[in-house]
Protein backbone atom coordinates (compact mmCIF):
# COMPACT_ATOMS: atom_id res chain seq x y z
CA UNK A 1 -21.95 21.47 -1.58
CA UNK A 2 -21.35 20.04 1.88
CA UNK A 3 -23.19 16.87 0.94
CA UNK A 4 -21.03 16.35 -2.15
CA UNK A 5 -17.87 16.89 -0.11
CA UNK A 6 -19.08 14.38 2.50
CA UNK A 7 -19.89 11.78 -0.17
CA UNK A 8 -16.45 12.15 -1.78
CA UNK A 9 -14.77 11.91 1.62
CA UNK A 10 -16.65 8.70 2.43
CA UNK A 11 -15.83 7.12 -0.94
CA UNK A 12 -12.13 7.94 -0.59
CA UNK A 13 -12.25 6.66 2.99
CA UNK A 14 -13.44 3.27 1.77
CA UNK A 15 -10.30 2.81 -0.28
CA UNK A 16 -7.73 4.73 1.76
CA UNK A 17 -8.24 4.11 5.46
CA UNK A 18 -4.60 4.32 6.46
CA UNK A 19 -2.77 6.83 4.30
CA UNK A 20 0.64 5.50 5.28
CA UNK A 21 -0.34 1.95 4.31
CA UNK A 22 -1.63 3.09 0.93
CA UNK A 23 1.43 5.24 0.23
CA UNK A 24 3.86 2.46 1.11
CA UNK A 25 1.94 -0.01 -1.06
CA UNK A 26 2.08 2.35 -4.05
CA UNK A 27 5.81 2.91 -3.52
CA UNK A 28 6.41 -0.84 -3.25
CA UNK A 29 4.53 -1.54 -6.47
CA UNK A 30 6.45 1.22 -8.27
CA UNK A 31 9.81 -0.10 -7.06
CA UNK A 32 9.04 -3.70 -8.00
CA UNK A 33 7.73 -2.59 -11.40
CA UNK A 34 10.90 -0.60 -12.02
CA UNK A 35 12.98 -3.59 -10.97
CA UNK A 36 11.19 -5.92 -13.37
CA UNK A 37 11.09 -3.49 -16.31
CA UNK A 38 14.41 -1.66 -15.99
CA UNK A 39 16.69 -4.12 -14.19
CA UNK A 40 15.41 -7.26 -15.95
CA UNK A 41 14.38 -8.80 -12.66
CA UNK A 42 12.53 -12.08 -13.33
CA UNK A 43 8.76 -11.60 -12.90
CA UNK A 44 8.55 -14.52 -10.46
CA UNK A 45 11.13 -12.86 -8.20
CA UNK A 46 9.25 -9.58 -8.55
CA UNK A 47 6.05 -11.31 -7.49
CA UNK A 48 7.71 -12.90 -4.49
CA UNK A 49 9.20 -9.54 -3.46
CA UNK A 50 5.82 -7.90 -3.92
CA UNK A 51 4.13 -10.49 -1.71
CA UNK A 52 6.81 -10.24 0.98
CA UNK A 53 6.72 -6.44 0.86
CA UNK A 54 2.94 -6.29 1.16
CA UNK A 55 3.01 -8.64 4.13
CA UNK A 56 5.75 -6.57 5.79
CA UNK A 57 3.81 -3.34 5.22
CA UNK A 58 0.63 -4.90 6.60
CA UNK A 59 2.39 -6.24 9.70
CA UNK A 60 3.94 -2.83 10.32
CA UNK A 61 0.57 -1.13 9.96
CA UNK A 62 -1.09 -3.55 12.39
CA UNK A 63 1.72 -3.10 14.92
CA UNK A 64 1.24 0.68 14.81
CA UNK A 65 -2.53 0.33 15.20
CA UNK A 66 -2.45 -1.98 18.23
CA UNK A 67 -2.60 0.00 21.48
CA UNK A 68 0.46 -0.40 23.65
CA UNK A 69 0.25 -1.40 27.28
């Protein structure tokens, strides 16, 4: 049983290293999808917002991970 739990933990760890990063990415995708589907946002604008949002989330995650002096 412990081995199975360890295997599952390692597999999940491969995809979700930073829980905050993953959660923010899922929220961003949901918001952009809602904007495109419900608010008739043009898909190109949605794609640009998605790219900008992902970059912003990644930069924020890296800034939190870098040790401060």
